[in-house]
C-alpha atoms as a PDB file:
ATOM      1  CA  UNK A   1      96.166 108.480 101.403  1.00  0.00           C
ATOM      2  CA  UNK A   2      96.241 104.709 101.051  1.00  0.00           C
ATOM      3  CA  UNK A   3      97.393 103.425  97.687  1.00  0.00           C
ATOM      4  CA  UNK A   4      97.531  99.963  96.168  1.00  0.00           C
ATOM      5  CA  UNK A   5     100.648  98.849  94.290  1.00  0.00           C
ATOM      6  CA  UNK A   6     100.805  96.741  91.155  1.00  0.00           C
ATOM      7  CA  UNK A   7     103.209  93.939  92.105  1.00  0.00           C
ATOM      8  CA  UNK A   8     104.469  93.654  88.528  1.00  0.00           C
ATOM      9  CA  UNK A   9     105.328  97.207  87.450  1.00  0.00           C
ATOM     10  CA  UNK A  10     105.175  98.974  90.816  1.00  0.00           C
ATOM     11  CA  UNK A  11     102.701 101.732  89.924  1.00  0.00           C
ATOM     12  CA  UNK A  12     100.353 102.867  92.692  1.00  0.00           C
ATOM     13  CA  UNK A  13      96.583 103.232  92.374  1.00  0.00           C
ATOM     14  CA  UNK A  14      93.851 104.771  94.543  1.00  0.00           C
ATOM     15  CA  UNK A  15      91.919 101.483  94.743  1.00  0.00           C
ATOM     16  CA  UNK A  16      92.688  97.770  94.717  1.00  0.00           C
ATOM     17  CA  UNK A  17      90.609  97.049  91.612  1.00  0.00           C
ATOM     18  CA  UNK A  18      92.809  99.220  89.406  1.00  0.00           C
ATOM     19  CA  UNK A  19      95.970  97.684  90.863  1.00  0.00           C
ATOM     20  CA  UNK A  20      94.603  94.201  90.126  1.00  0.00           C
ATOM     21  CA  UNK A  21      93.664  95.187  86.550  1.00  0.00           C
ATOM     22  CA  UNK A  22      97.148  96.620  86.055  1.00  0.00           C
ATOM     23  CA  UNK A  23      98.806  93.464  87.383  1.00  0.00           C
ATOM     24  CA  UNK A  24      96.676  91.238  85.154  1.00  0.00           C
ATOM     25  CA  UNK A  25      97.534  93.312  82.078  1.00  0.00           C
ATOM     26  CA  UNK A  26     101.232  93.457  82.950  1.00  0.00           C
ATOM     27  CA  UNK A  27     101.455  89.678  83.428  1.00  0.00           C
ATOM     28  CA  UNK A  28      99.584  88.917  80.209  1.00  0.00           C
ATOM     29  CA  UNK A  29     101.168  91.471  77.889  1.00  0.00           C
ATOM     30  CA  UNK A  30     104.530  92.296  79.537  1.00  0.00           C
ATOM     31  CA  UNK A  31     103.685  95.968  79.027  1.00  0.00           C
ATOM     32  CA  UNK A  32     101.600  98.756  80.545  1.00  0.00           C
ATOM     33  CA  UNK A  33      98.135  99.771  79.360  1.00  0.00           C
ATOM     34  CA  UNK A  34      97.723 103.560  79.058  1.00  0.00           C
ATOM     35  CA  UNK A  35      93.996 103.331  79.813  1.00  0.00           C
ATOM     36  CA  UNK A  36      94.889 101.793  83.188  1.00  0.00           C
ATOM     37  CA  UNK A  37      98.106 103.663  84.008  1.00  0.00           C
ATOM     38  CA  UNK A  38      96.459 107.062  83.557  1.00  0.00           C
ATOM     39  CA  UNK A  39      94.805 106.383  86.935  1.00  0.00           C
ATOM     40  CA  UNK A  40      98.153 105.864  88.684  1.00  0.00           C
ATOM     41  CA  UNK A  41      98.962 108.185  91.569  1.00  0.00           C
ATOM     42  CA  UNK A  42     102.175 109.238  93.273  1.00  0.00           C
ATOM     43  CA  UNK A  43     103.280 106.905  96.016  1.00  0.00           C
ATOM     44  CA  UNK A  44     103.291 108.207  99.560  1.00  0.00           C
ATOM     45  CA  UNK A  45     106.338 106.008 100.303  1.00  0.00           C
ATOM     46  CA  UNK A  46     109.571 107.899 100.836  1.00  0.00           C
ATOM     47  CA  UNK A  47     112.478 107.125  98.530  1.00  0.00           C
END
């Protein structure tokens, strides 16, 4: 599954639009928005 990463907080999302919304919120408020982050998914990247 392809995921899109928020470049600010690093959370992964199933589509680019959510990742962009997350990044915009993070930059503006220096925090995470629960309405956005609830859509985050596990990264397929190995640790």
